[in-house]
Amino acid sequence: MHSSQESSFNRWRSGASRNWVFFRQWLRAPLTTASVVPSSPRLGRAMAMALPADVGRVVELGAGTGAITRELLRYRVRPEQLFVLELNEELHDDLTQAFPLSTVVCGDARQLPQLLAAHAGFRDGSVDAVVSSLGFLSMPPRLVEEILEASFACLPEQGVLIQFTYGPKCPVPAPMLRRLGLIARRVDFTLMNLPPASVYELRRRPAAS
């Protein structure tokens, strides 16, 4: 096989394998897996570009097969400054092999401060941004709130959480945002994703002057 053809075939085979792994996880837990296929590179780039240009340490929640992870590393984040969190053990094992220079942890996002403190390079429990691929729309509201509380406990005053959704509006309802002292704004929309997705930035509400 010609080298270029072989390279294209290997990329296709790798992508097909990731899709099958993701689909299998969706069959096992459709309520906690946001889609039947991994996110597209276009969505990953949108998530990455929503981060501040000078961002340092970043947490990724619910990395899945690593589709978003690859684009974070391509556009914004240094490997050693990326903390990847995945609850599914099988996906975690794959991520560990795929991203050996990053910190890849199997755990619950509600325990983020403790998980950060347990790993070298993140022991102060603080990061600059959180990127979330978790399916908030299919989660119980209290679970979403606990994840947001844990995430913002690790962020500085100007820190941001980047979240995507397949829904028509922000996946965090307005009453919850108010209760947590947060504001949200849509920063991108990716039509070339299956399904199309919006990217939101969440940050703390500015103090009243």
N, C-alpha and C. Protein backbone atom coordinates (compact mmCIF):
# COMPACT_ATOMS: atom_id res chain seq x y z
N MET A 1 0.84 -1.19 0.00
CA MET A 1 0.00 0.00 0.00
C MET A 1 0.88 1.24 0.00
N HIS A 2 0.53 2.21 -0.84
CA HIS A 2 1.28 3.47 -0.90
C HIS A 2 1.27 4.12 0.47
N SER A 3 2.38 4.81 0.81
CA SER A 3 2.53 5.36 2.15
C SER A 3 1.39 6.31 2.52
N SER A 4 0.99 7.19 1.57
CA SER A 4 -0.09 8.13 1.87
C SER A 4 -1.41 7.40 2.06
N GLN A 5 -1.64 6.35 1.22
CA GLN A 5 -2.85 5.56 1.38
C GLN A 5 -2.84 4.82 2.71
N GLU A 6 -1.67 4.30 3.07
CA GLU A 6 -1.56 3.58 4.33
C GLU A 6 -1.82 4.52 5.50
N SER A 7 -1.30 5.75 5.42
CA SER A 7 -1.52 6.73 6.47
C SER A 7 -3.00 7.05 6.59
N SER A 8 -3.68 7.25 5.45
CA SER A 8 -5.11 7.55 5.47
C SER A 8 -5.91 6.39 6.04
N PHE A 9 -5.52 5.17 5.65
CA PHE A 9 -6.22 3.99 6.17
C PHE A 9 -6.05 3.86 7.66
N ASN A 10 -4.83 4.12 8.15
CA ASN A 10 -4.58 4.02 9.59
C ASN A 10 -5.39 5.04 10.37
N ARG A 11 -5.51 6.29 9.81
CA ARG A 11 -6.33 7.30 10.47
C ARG A 11 -7.79 6.87 10.50
N TRP A 12 -8.27 6.29 9.37
CA TRP A 12 -9.66 5.82 9.33
C TRP A 12 -9.88 4.71 10.32
N ARG A 13 -8.94 3.75 10.38
CA ARG A 13 -9.08 2.62 11.29
C ARG A 13 -9.08 3.08 12.74
N SER A 14 -8.21 4.06 13.05
CA SER A 14 -8.15 4.59 14.41
C SER A 14 -9.45 5.28 14.77
N GLY A 15 -9.98 6.08 13.83
CA GLY A 15 -11.24 6.77 14.08
C GLY A 15 -12.39 5.81 14.22
N ALA A 16 -12.43 4.79 13.38
CA ALA A 16 -13.50 3.80 13.45
C ALA A 16 -13.45 3.06 14.78
N SER A 17 -12.26 2.76 15.24
CA SER A 17 -12.11 2.08 16.53
C SER A 17 -12.63 2.94 17.67
N ARG A 18 -12.29 4.24 17.65
CA ARG A 18 -12.77 5.15 18.70
C ARG A 18 -14.29 5.26 18.67
N ASN A 19 -14.86 5.32 17.46
CA ASN A 19 -16.31 5.41 17.34
C ASN A 19 -16.99 4.18 17.93
N TRP A 20 -16.41 3.00 17.66
CA TRP A 20 -16.99 1.76 18.17
C TRP A 20 -16.92 1.71 19.69
N VAL A 21 -15.80 2.12 20.27
CA VAL A 21 -15.66 2.14 21.72
C VAL A 21 -16.70 3.08 22.32
N PHE A 22 -16.84 4.25 21.74
CA PHE A 22 -17.78 5.25 22.25
C PHE A 22 -19.22 4.74 22.14
N PHE A 23 -19.55 4.13 21.01
CA PHE A 23 -20.90 3.61 20.81
C PHE A 23 -21.21 2.51 21.81
N ARG A 24 -20.22 1.67 22.08
CA ARG A 24 -20.41 0.59 23.06
C ARG A 24 -20.70 1.17 24.45
N GLN A 25 -19.98 2.24 24.81
CA GLN A 25 -20.24 2.88 26.10
C GLN A 25 -21.62 3.53 26.13
N TRP A 26 -22.06 4.07 25.02
CA TRP A 26 -23.40 4.65 24.95
C TRP A 26 -24.47 3.59 25.15
N LEU A 27 -24.29 2.41 24.56
CA LEU A 27 -25.24 1.32 24.74
C LEU A 27 -25.33 0.91 26.21
N ARG A 28 -24.19 0.95 26.89
CA ARG A 28 -24.17 0.56 28.30
C ARG A 28 -24.81 1.61 29.20
N ALA A 29 -24.59 2.90 28.87
CA ALA A 29 -25.07 3.97 29.75
C ALA A 29 -25.52 5.16 28.92
N PRO A 30 -26.69 5.06 28.22
CA PRO A 30 -27.11 6.15 27.33
C PRO A 30 -27.42 7.44 28.05
N LEU A 31 -27.76 7.40 29.33
CA LEU A 31 -28.11 8.63 30.05
C LEU A 31 -26.90 9.44 30.48
N THR A 32 -25.72 8.80 30.53
CA THR A 32 -24.52 9.52 30.97
C THR A 32 -23.53 9.74 29.83
N THR A 33 -23.84 9.25 28.65
CA THR A 33 -23.00 9.47 27.48
C THR A 33 -23.75 10.39 26.54
N ALA A 34 -23.18 11.54 26.23
CA ALA A 34 -23.94 12.61 25.58
C ALA A 34 -24.38 12.26 24.16
N SER A 35 -23.62 11.46 23.43
CA SER A 35 -23.94 11.18 22.04
C SER A 35 -23.49 9.77 21.69
N VAL A 36 -23.99 9.25 20.55
CA VAL A 36 -23.61 7.90 20.15
C VAL A 36 -22.25 7.89 19.44
N VAL A 37 -21.71 9.06 19.10
CA VAL A 37 -20.41 9.14 18.45
C VAL A 37 -19.57 10.19 19.17
N PRO A 38 -18.22 10.08 19.08
CA PRO A 38 -17.38 11.09 19.71
C PRO A 38 -17.55 12.46 19.07
N SER A 39 -17.14 13.49 19.79
CA SER A 39 -17.20 14.84 19.26
C SER A 39 -16.25 14.99 18.06
N SER A 40 -16.58 15.90 17.16
CA SER A 40 -15.77 16.12 15.97
C SER A 40 -14.57 17.00 16.28
N PRO A 41 -13.54 16.96 15.42
CA PRO A 41 -12.41 17.89 15.59
C PRO A 41 -12.85 19.35 15.55
N ARG A 42 -13.89 19.67 14.77
CA ARG A 42 -14.37 21.06 14.72
C ARG A 42 -14.89 21.51 16.07
N LEU A 43 -15.64 20.64 16.74
CA LEU A 43 -16.12 20.99 18.07
C LEU A 43 -14.96 21.08 19.05
N GLY A 44 -14.01 20.16 18.93
CA GLY A 44 -12.83 20.21 19.79
C GLY A 44 -12.07 21.50 19.62
N ARG A 45 -11.92 21.95 18.39
CA ARG A 45 -11.21 23.22 18.15
C ARG A 45 -12.00 24.39 18.75
N ALA A 46 -13.34 24.36 18.61
CA ALA A 46 -14.15 25.43 19.18
C ALA A 46 -14.00 25.48 20.70
N MET A 47 -13.95 24.31 21.32
CA MET A 47 -13.77 24.25 22.78
C MET A 47 -12.40 24.81 23.16
N ALA A 48 -11.38 24.40 22.40
CA ALA A 48 -10.03 24.87 22.70
C ALA A 48 -9.90 26.37 22.52
N MET A 49 -10.46 26.90 21.44
CA MET A 49 -10.32 28.32 21.16
C MET A 49 -11.16 29.18 22.09
N ALA A 50 -12.09 28.58 22.81
CA ALA A 50 -12.86 29.32 23.80
C ALA A 50 -12.05 29.59 25.07
N LEU A 51 -10.94 28.89 25.22
CA LEU A 51 -10.06 29.11 26.37
C LEU A 51 -9.25 30.39 26.18
N PRO A 52 -8.85 31.04 27.26
CA PRO A 52 -7.96 32.21 27.13
C PRO A 52 -6.67 31.83 26.42
N ALA A 53 -6.14 32.74 25.63
CA ALA A 53 -4.94 32.44 24.85
C ALA A 53 -3.75 32.11 25.73
N ASP A 54 -3.71 32.68 26.93
CA ASP A 54 -2.58 32.46 27.83
C ASP A 54 -2.88 31.44 28.92
N VAL A 55 -3.85 30.56 28.68
CA VAL A 55 -4.26 29.60 29.70
C VAL A 55 -3.10 28.68 30.09
N GLY A 56 -3.04 28.34 31.37
CA GLY A 56 -2.00 27.44 31.87
C GLY A 56 -2.58 26.06 32.11
N ARG A 57 -2.78 25.74 33.39
CA ARG A 57 -3.27 24.40 33.73
C ARG A 57 -4.77 24.29 33.46
N VAL A 58 -5.15 23.17 32.86
CA VAL A 58 -6.53 22.95 32.43
C VAL A 58 -6.98 21.55 32.86
N VAL A 59 -8.22 21.45 33.31
CA VAL A 59 -8.86 20.16 33.58
C VAL A 59 -9.86 19.87 32.47
N GLU A 60 -9.86 18.64 31.99
CA GLU A 60 -10.90 18.20 31.07
C GLU A 60 -11.75 17.15 31.76
N LEU A 61 -13.04 17.40 31.84
CA LEU A 61 -13.98 16.47 32.46
C LEU A 61 -14.68 15.64 31.40
N GLY A 62 -14.71 14.33 31.60
CA GLY A 62 -15.42 13.45 30.67
C GLY A 62 -14.78 13.40 29.31
N ALA A 63 -13.51 13.02 29.28
CA ALA A 63 -12.75 13.06 28.02
C ALA A 63 -13.18 12.02 27.01
N GLY A 64 -13.84 10.96 27.44
CA GLY A 64 -14.34 9.96 26.49
C GLY A 64 -13.22 9.28 25.72
N THR A 65 -13.28 9.38 24.39
CA THR A 65 -12.25 8.77 23.55
C THR A 65 -11.11 9.73 23.23
N GLY A 66 -11.16 10.95 23.78
CA GLY A 66 -10.06 11.89 23.58
C GLY A 66 -10.21 12.82 22.40
N ALA A 67 -11.40 12.90 21.82
CA ALA A 67 -11.59 13.78 20.65
C ALA A 67 -11.34 15.24 21.00
N ILE A 68 -11.88 15.69 22.13
CA ILE A 68 -11.65 17.07 22.56
C ILE A 68 -10.22 17.24 23.05
N THR A 69 -9.73 16.23 23.75
CA THR A 69 -8.37 16.26 24.30
C THR A 69 -7.34 16.57 23.22
N ARG A 70 -7.46 15.91 22.08
CA ARG A 70 -6.50 16.12 20.99
C ARG A 70 -6.47 17.56 20.52
N GLU A 71 -7.64 18.18 20.45
CA GLU A 71 -7.69 19.56 19.97
C GLU A 71 -7.22 20.54 21.05
N LEU A 72 -7.47 20.24 22.31
CA LEU A 72 -6.93 21.08 23.38
C LEU A 72 -5.41 21.12 23.29
N LEU A 73 -4.81 19.97 23.08
CA LEU A 73 -3.35 19.88 22.99
C LEU A 73 -2.84 20.52 21.70
N ARG A 74 -3.63 20.45 20.66
CA ARG A 74 -3.20 21.02 19.37
C ARG A 74 -3.21 22.55 19.40
N TYR A 75 -4.19 23.14 20.08
CA TYR A 75 -4.39 24.58 19.97
C TYR A 75 -4.06 25.40 21.22
N ARG A 76 -4.18 24.84 22.43
CA ARG A 76 -4.12 25.71 23.59
C ARG A 76 -3.27 25.21 24.75
N VAL A 77 -3.23 23.92 25.02
CA VAL A 77 -2.73 23.42 26.29
C VAL A 77 -1.48 22.57 26.10
N ARG A 78 -0.50 22.79 26.97
CA ARG A 78 0.70 21.95 26.97
C ARG A 78 0.35 20.61 27.64
N PRO A 79 0.89 19.50 27.13
CA PRO A 79 0.51 18.18 27.66
C PRO A 79 0.67 18.05 29.17
N GLU A 80 1.79 18.57 29.70
CA GLU A 80 2.05 18.42 31.13
C GLU A 80 1.13 19.30 31.99
N GLN A 81 0.41 20.22 31.36
CA GLN A 81 -0.50 21.09 32.09
C GLN A 81 -1.97 20.67 31.96
N LEU A 82 -2.19 19.51 31.37
CA LEU A 82 -3.55 19.02 31.17
C LEU A 82 -3.86 17.87 32.13
N PHE A 83 -4.94 18.03 32.89
CA PHE A 83 -5.42 17.01 33.82
C PHE A 83 -6.71 16.45 33.23
N VAL A 84 -6.67 15.20 32.81
CA VAL A 84 -7.79 14.57 32.11
C VAL A 84 -8.54 13.65 33.09
N LEU A 85 -9.83 13.86 33.23
CA LEU A 85 -10.63 13.08 34.17
C LEU A 85 -11.72 12.32 33.41
N GLU A 86 -11.77 11.01 33.64
CA GLU A 86 -12.76 10.16 32.98
C GLU A 86 -13.25 9.11 33.97
N LEU A 87 -14.57 8.99 34.10
CA LEU A 87 -15.16 8.07 35.08
C LEU A 87 -15.15 6.62 34.59
N ASN A 88 -15.28 6.42 33.29
CA ASN A 88 -15.34 5.08 32.72
C ASN A 88 -13.95 4.44 32.69
N GLU A 89 -13.81 3.28 33.28
CA GLU A 89 -12.49 2.64 33.41
C GLU A 89 -11.90 2.25 32.07
N GLU A 90 -12.72 1.73 31.17
CA GLU A 90 -12.22 1.32 29.86
C GLU A 90 -11.71 2.52 29.06
N LEU A 91 -12.49 3.58 29.05
CA LEU A 91 -12.07 4.79 28.35
C LEU A 91 -10.84 5.40 29.01
N HIS A 92 -10.80 5.36 30.34
CA HIS A 92 -9.63 5.87 31.06
C HIS A 92 -8.36 5.15 30.64
N ASP A 93 -8.43 3.83 30.52
CA ASP A 93 -7.26 3.06 30.12
C ASP A 93 -6.78 3.47 28.72
N ASP A 94 -7.72 3.67 27.81
CA ASP A 94 -7.36 4.09 26.45
C ASP A 94 -6.73 5.49 26.46
N LEU A 95 -7.30 6.39 27.27
CA LEU A 95 -6.76 7.75 27.36
C LEU A 95 -5.35 7.76 27.94
N THR A 96 -5.09 6.91 28.91
CA THR A 96 -3.76 6.83 29.51
C THR A 96 -2.72 6.47 28.47
N GLN A 97 -3.06 5.56 27.58
CA GLN A 97 -2.13 5.16 26.53
C GLN A 97 -2.00 6.24 25.46
N ALA A 98 -3.10 6.92 25.16
CA ALA A 98 -3.10 7.91 24.08
C ALA A 98 -2.40 9.21 24.47
N PHE A 99 -2.42 9.56 25.76
CA PHE A 99 -1.88 10.84 26.21
C PHE A 99 -0.92 10.64 27.38
N PRO A 100 0.22 10.02 27.12
CA PRO A 100 1.14 9.65 28.20
C PRO A 100 1.80 10.84 28.88
N LEU A 101 1.83 12.01 28.24
CA LEU A 101 2.48 13.17 28.84
C LEU A 101 1.54 13.99 29.72
N SER A 102 0.25 13.67 29.69
CA SER A 102 -0.73 14.36 30.51
C SER A 102 -1.09 13.51 31.71
N THR A 103 -1.70 14.14 32.71
CA THR A 103 -2.18 13.41 33.88
C THR A 103 -3.59 12.92 33.59
N VAL A 104 -3.77 11.62 33.51
CA VAL A 104 -5.06 11.02 33.18
C VAL A 104 -5.54 10.22 34.39
N VAL A 105 -6.71 10.57 34.89
CA VAL A 105 -7.20 10.01 36.14
C VAL A 105 -8.60 9.44 35.94
N CYS A 106 -8.86 8.30 36.57
CA CYS A 106 -10.19 7.71 36.59
C CYS A 106 -10.87 8.15 37.88
N GLY A 107 -11.94 8.92 37.78
CA GLY A 107 -12.58 9.40 38.99
C GLY A 107 -13.83 10.19 38.71
N ASP A 108 -14.46 10.62 39.80
CA ASP A 108 -15.73 11.34 39.78
C ASP A 108 -15.46 12.84 39.79
N ALA A 109 -16.09 13.58 38.88
CA ALA A 109 -15.87 15.02 38.77
C ALA A 109 -16.25 15.76 40.05
N ARG A 110 -17.13 15.18 40.86
CA ARG A 110 -17.51 15.82 42.12
C ARG A 110 -16.37 15.83 43.13
N GLN A 111 -15.35 15.01 42.87
CA GLN A 111 -14.20 14.92 43.76
C GLN A 111 -12.98 15.63 43.17
N LEU A 112 -13.21 16.55 42.25
CA LEU A 112 -12.10 17.18 41.53
C LEU A 112 -11.05 17.81 42.44
N PRO A 113 -11.41 18.60 43.46
CA PRO A 113 -10.36 19.20 44.31
C PRO A 113 -9.45 18.16 44.94
N GLN A 114 -10.03 17.07 45.43
CA GLN A 114 -9.23 16.02 46.06
C GLN A 114 -8.37 15.28 45.04
N LEU A 115 -8.91 15.05 43.86
CA LEU A 115 -8.16 14.34 42.83
C LEU A 115 -6.97 15.17 42.34
N LEU A 116 -7.18 16.47 42.18
CA LEU A 116 -6.07 17.34 41.78
C LEU A 116 -4.97 17.31 42.84
N ALA A 117 -5.36 17.41 44.10
CA ALA A 117 -4.38 17.48 45.19
C ALA A 117 -3.56 16.21 45.33
N ALA A 118 -4.05 15.12 44.74
CA ALA A 118 -3.36 13.83 44.87
C ALA A 118 -2.34 13.59 43.76
N HIS A 119 -2.17 14.55 42.85
CA HIS A 119 -1.29 14.32 41.70
C HIS A 119 -0.26 15.44 41.56
N ALA A 120 0.96 15.04 41.31
CA ALA A 120 2.07 15.98 41.15
C ALA A 120 1.75 16.96 40.03
N GLY A 121 2.12 18.21 40.26
CA GLY A 121 1.87 19.25 39.29
C GLY A 121 0.54 19.95 39.50
N PHE A 122 -0.32 19.34 40.32
CA PHE A 122 -1.64 19.93 40.58
C PHE A 122 -1.97 19.93 42.07
N ARG A 123 -0.96 19.74 42.90
CA ARG A 123 -1.21 19.51 44.32
C ARG A 123 -1.81 20.72 45.04
N ASP A 124 -1.68 21.92 44.47
CA ASP A 124 -2.31 23.07 45.12
C ASP A 124 -3.81 23.13 44.85
N GLY A 125 -4.29 22.19 44.01
CA GLY A 125 -5.73 22.10 43.76
C GLY A 125 -6.31 23.21 42.92
N SER A 126 -5.46 23.96 42.22
CA SER A 126 -5.94 25.11 41.45
C SER A 126 -5.55 24.95 39.98
N VAL A 127 -6.49 25.31 39.09
CA VAL A 127 -6.23 25.32 37.64
C VAL A 127 -6.81 26.60 37.06
N ASP A 128 -6.46 26.89 35.83
CA ASP A 128 -6.92 28.12 35.19
C ASP A 128 -8.28 27.98 34.51
N ALA A 129 -8.58 26.75 34.07
CA ALA A 129 -9.83 26.55 33.34
C ALA A 129 -10.25 25.09 33.43
N VAL A 130 -11.54 24.88 33.25
CA VAL A 130 -12.11 23.53 33.18
C VAL A 130 -12.85 23.41 31.86
N VAL A 131 -12.62 22.33 31.15
CA VAL A 131 -13.33 22.04 29.90
C VAL A 131 -14.18 20.80 30.16
N SER A 132 -15.48 20.91 29.93
CA SER A 132 -16.39 19.81 30.26
C SER A 132 -17.11 19.29 29.02
N SER A 133 -17.03 17.96 28.85
CA SER A 133 -17.81 17.28 27.82
C SER A 133 -18.89 16.41 28.44
N LEU A 134 -19.21 16.68 29.70
CA LEU A 134 -20.22 15.89 30.41
C LEU A 134 -21.62 16.23 29.89
N GLY A 135 -22.46 15.22 29.88
CA GLY A 135 -23.82 15.39 29.38
C GLY A 135 -24.76 15.96 30.43
N PHE A 136 -24.65 17.24 30.70
CA PHE A 136 -25.44 17.86 31.76
C PHE A 136 -26.94 17.70 31.55
N LEU A 137 -27.39 17.71 30.30
CA LEU A 137 -28.82 17.66 30.03
C LEU A 137 -29.44 16.34 30.48
N SER A 138 -28.66 15.29 30.54
CA SER A 138 -29.19 13.97 30.93
C SER A 138 -28.91 13.63 32.39
N MET A 139 -28.30 14.56 33.14
CA MET A 139 -27.96 14.31 34.53
C MET A 139 -29.00 14.92 35.47
N PRO A 140 -29.15 14.33 36.66
CA PRO A 140 -30.00 14.96 37.67
C PRO A 140 -29.45 16.34 38.03
N PRO A 141 -30.32 17.32 38.24
CA PRO A 141 -29.85 18.69 38.53
C PRO A 141 -28.88 18.76 39.70
N ARG A 142 -29.11 17.99 40.74
CA ARG A 142 -28.22 18.06 41.89
C ARG A 142 -26.81 17.60 41.53
N LEU A 143 -26.70 16.59 40.66
CA LEU A 143 -25.40 16.12 40.22
C LEU A 143 -24.67 17.20 39.43
N VAL A 144 -25.38 17.87 38.54
CA VAL A 144 -24.79 18.97 37.77
C VAL A 144 -24.29 20.06 38.72
N GLU A 145 -25.09 20.40 39.69
CA GLU A 145 -24.71 21.45 40.63
C GLU A 145 -23.46 21.07 41.42
N GLU A 146 -23.38 19.82 41.84
CA GLU A 146 -22.21 19.37 42.60
C GLU A 146 -20.95 19.40 41.75
N ILE A 147 -21.08 19.06 40.47
CA ILE A 147 -19.93 19.10 39.57
C ILE A 147 -19.47 20.54 39.36
N LEU A 148 -20.41 21.45 39.19
CA LEU A 148 -20.05 22.86 39.02
C LEU A 148 -19.41 23.42 40.28
N GLU A 149 -19.94 23.06 41.43
CA GLU A 149 -19.36 23.52 42.68
C GLU A 149 -17.92 23.03 42.82
N ALA A 150 -17.69 21.77 42.50
CA ALA A 150 -16.34 21.21 42.60
C ALA A 150 -15.41 21.88 41.60
N SER A 151 -15.90 22.15 40.41
CA SER A 151 -15.07 22.76 39.37
C SER A 151 -14.66 24.18 39.76
N PHE A 152 -15.62 24.99 40.19
CA PHE A 152 -15.30 26.37 40.51
C PHE A 152 -14.52 26.49 41.82
N ALA A 153 -14.55 25.44 42.64
CA ALA A 153 -13.71 25.44 43.83
C ALA A 153 -12.23 25.37 43.46
N CYS A 154 -11.94 24.95 42.23
CA CYS A 154 -10.56 24.81 41.76
C CYS A 154 -10.14 25.96 40.86
N LEU A 155 -11.04 26.88 40.58
CA LEU A 155 -10.76 27.97 39.64
C LEU A 155 -10.53 29.29 40.37
N PRO A 156 -9.63 30.12 39.86
CA PRO A 156 -9.44 31.46 40.43
C PRO A 156 -10.63 32.35 40.10
N GLU A 157 -10.61 33.56 40.59
CA GLU A 157 -11.74 34.48 40.42
C GLU A 157 -12.11 34.66 38.96
N GLN A 158 -11.11 34.72 38.08
CA GLN A 158 -11.37 34.94 36.65
C GLN A 158 -11.37 33.65 35.84
N GLY A 159 -11.36 32.52 36.53
CA GLY A 159 -11.33 31.24 35.83
C GLY A 159 -12.61 30.96 35.07
N VAL A 160 -12.52 30.10 34.03
CA VAL A 160 -13.68 29.80 33.20
C VAL A 160 -13.90 28.30 33.11
N LEU A 161 -15.16 27.95 32.91
CA LEU A 161 -15.54 26.58 32.58
C LEU A 161 -16.16 26.61 31.20
N ILE A 162 -15.64 25.77 30.31
CA ILE A 162 -16.15 25.69 28.94
C ILE A 162 -16.95 24.40 28.82
N GLN A 163 -18.19 24.54 28.37
CA GLN A 163 -19.12 23.41 28.30
C GLN A 163 -19.81 23.41 26.95
N PHE A 164 -19.95 22.23 26.33
CA PHE A 164 -20.74 22.19 25.10
C PHE A 164 -22.06 21.48 25.35
N THR A 165 -23.00 21.72 24.48
CA THR A 165 -24.31 21.10 24.60
C THR A 165 -24.93 20.90 23.23
N TYR A 166 -25.77 19.89 23.12
CA TYR A 166 -26.54 19.67 21.90
C TYR A 166 -27.92 20.31 21.98
N GLY A 167 -28.22 20.87 23.13
CA GLY A 167 -29.53 21.49 23.33
C GLY A 167 -29.61 22.89 22.76
N PRO A 168 -30.82 23.48 22.74
CA PRO A 168 -31.02 24.81 22.15
C PRO A 168 -30.60 25.96 23.05
N LYS A 169 -30.28 25.69 24.32
CA LYS A 169 -29.89 26.75 25.24
C LYS A 169 -28.86 26.21 26.22
N CYS A 170 -28.40 27.08 27.10
CA CYS A 170 -27.38 26.68 28.07
C CYS A 170 -27.87 25.47 28.86
N PRO A 171 -27.01 24.44 29.01
CA PRO A 171 -27.43 23.24 29.73
C PRO A 171 -27.54 23.42 31.24
N VAL A 172 -27.08 24.55 31.75
CA VAL A 172 -27.22 24.87 33.17
C VAL A 172 -28.37 25.85 33.30
N PRO A 173 -29.46 25.46 33.95
CA PRO A 173 -30.62 26.36 34.02
C PRO A 173 -30.32 27.64 34.78
N ALA A 174 -31.05 28.69 34.43
CA ALA A 174 -30.82 30.02 35.01
C ALA A 174 -30.90 30.03 36.53
N PRO A 175 -31.88 29.35 37.15
CA PRO A 175 -31.92 29.36 38.61
C PRO A 175 -30.67 28.78 39.25
N MET A 176 -30.11 27.75 38.63
CA MET A 176 -28.88 27.15 39.16
C MET A 176 -27.71 28.10 39.00
N LEU A 177 -27.64 28.77 37.86
CA LEU A 177 -26.58 29.76 37.66
C LEU A 177 -26.64 30.84 38.73
N ARG A 178 -27.85 31.34 38.99
CA ARG A 178 -28.00 32.39 40.01
C ARG A 178 -27.60 31.88 41.38
N ARG A 179 -28.01 30.66 41.69
CA ARG A 179 -27.71 30.08 43.00
C ARG A 179 -26.20 29.93 43.21
N LEU A 180 -25.49 29.61 42.15
CA LEU A 180 -24.04 29.40 42.24
C LEU A 180 -23.25 30.68 41.99
N GLY A 181 -23.94 31.77 41.68
CA GLY A 181 -23.25 33.03 41.41
C GLY A 181 -22.48 33.01 40.10
N LEU A 182 -23.06 32.37 39.06
CA LEU A 182 -22.39 32.23 37.78
C LEU A 182 -23.17 32.92 36.67
N ILE A 183 -22.48 33.23 35.60
CA ILE A 183 -23.09 33.71 34.36
C ILE A 183 -22.60 32.84 33.22
N ALA A 184 -23.42 32.75 32.17
CA ALA A 184 -23.07 31.92 31.02
C ALA A 184 -23.34 32.69 29.73
N ARG A 185 -22.49 32.45 28.75
CA ARG A 185 -22.74 33.03 27.42
C ARG A 185 -22.28 32.05 26.35
N ARG A 186 -23.03 31.99 25.27
CA ARG A 186 -22.65 31.12 24.16
C ARG A 186 -21.53 31.79 23.39
N VAL A 187 -20.43 31.06 23.18
CA VAL A 187 -19.27 31.64 22.51
C VAL A 187 -19.02 31.03 21.14
N ASP A 188 -19.70 29.93 20.82
CA ASP A 188 -19.50 29.32 19.50
C ASP A 188 -20.64 28.36 19.21
N PHE A 189 -20.82 28.08 17.93
CA PHE A 189 -21.80 27.10 17.48
C PHE A 189 -21.16 26.31 16.35
N THR A 190 -21.19 25.00 16.47
CA THR A 190 -20.54 24.13 15.49
C THR A 190 -21.58 23.32 14.75
N LEU A 191 -21.88 23.73 13.53
CA LEU A 191 -22.87 23.02 12.72
C LEU A 191 -22.32 21.68 12.24
N MET A 192 -21.00 21.66 11.94
CA MET A 192 -20.37 20.46 11.40
C MET A 192 -19.97 19.50 12.52
N ASN A 193 -20.95 19.11 13.29
CA ASN A 193 -20.77 18.11 14.34
C ASN A 193 -22.04 17.27 14.35
N LEU A 194 -21.95 16.05 14.83
CA LEU A 194 -23.11 15.18 14.87
C LEU A 194 -23.44 14.84 16.31
N PRO A 195 -24.53 15.45 16.85
CA PRO A 195 -25.35 16.53 16.27
C PRO A 195 -24.65 17.88 16.43
N PRO A 196 -25.19 18.94 15.79
CA PRO A 196 -24.62 20.28 15.96
C PRO A 196 -24.58 20.65 17.44
N ALA A 197 -23.57 21.44 17.81
CA ALA A 197 -23.35 21.74 19.23
C ALA A 197 -23.03 23.21 19.44
N SER A 198 -23.46 23.71 20.60
CA SER A 198 -23.11 25.05 21.05
C SER A 198 -22.06 24.95 22.15
N VAL A 199 -21.19 25.94 22.19
CA VAL A 199 -20.15 26.02 23.22
C VAL A 199 -20.45 27.20 24.12
N TYR A 200 -20.48 26.96 25.43
CA TYR A 200 -20.77 28.00 26.42
C TYR A 200 -19.57 28.23 27.33
N GLU A 201 -19.42 29.48 27.72
CA GLU A 201 -18.44 29.86 28.73
C GLU A 201 -19.19 30.21 30.01
N LEU A 202 -18.79 29.57 31.12
CA LEU A 202 -19.35 29.88 32.42
C LEU A 202 -18.26 30.50 33.28
N ARG A 203 -18.62 31.57 33.98
CA ARG A 203 -17.68 32.20 34.90
C ARG A 203 -18.44 32.82 36.06
N ARG A 204 -17.72 33.23 37.08
CA ARG A 204 -18.36 33.86 38.24
C ARG A 204 -18.98 35.20 37.87
N ARG A 205 -20.10 35.48 38.49
CA ARG A 205 -20.76 36.77 38.27
C ARG A 205 -19.93 37.87 38.90
N PRO A 206 -19.64 38.95 38.17
CA PRO A 206 -18.86 40.05 38.76
C PRO A 206 -19.54 40.61 39.99
N ALA A 207 -18.74 41.00 40.96
CA ALA A 207 -19.29 41.62 42.16
C ALA A 207 -19.92 42.95 41.81
N ALA A 208 -21.01 43.26 42.46
CA ALA A 208 -21.69 44.54 42.21
C ALA A 208 -20.80 45.69 42.67
N SER A 209 -20.67 46.72 41.83
CA SER A 209 -19.82 47.87 42.17
C SER A 209 -20.55 48.83 43.09
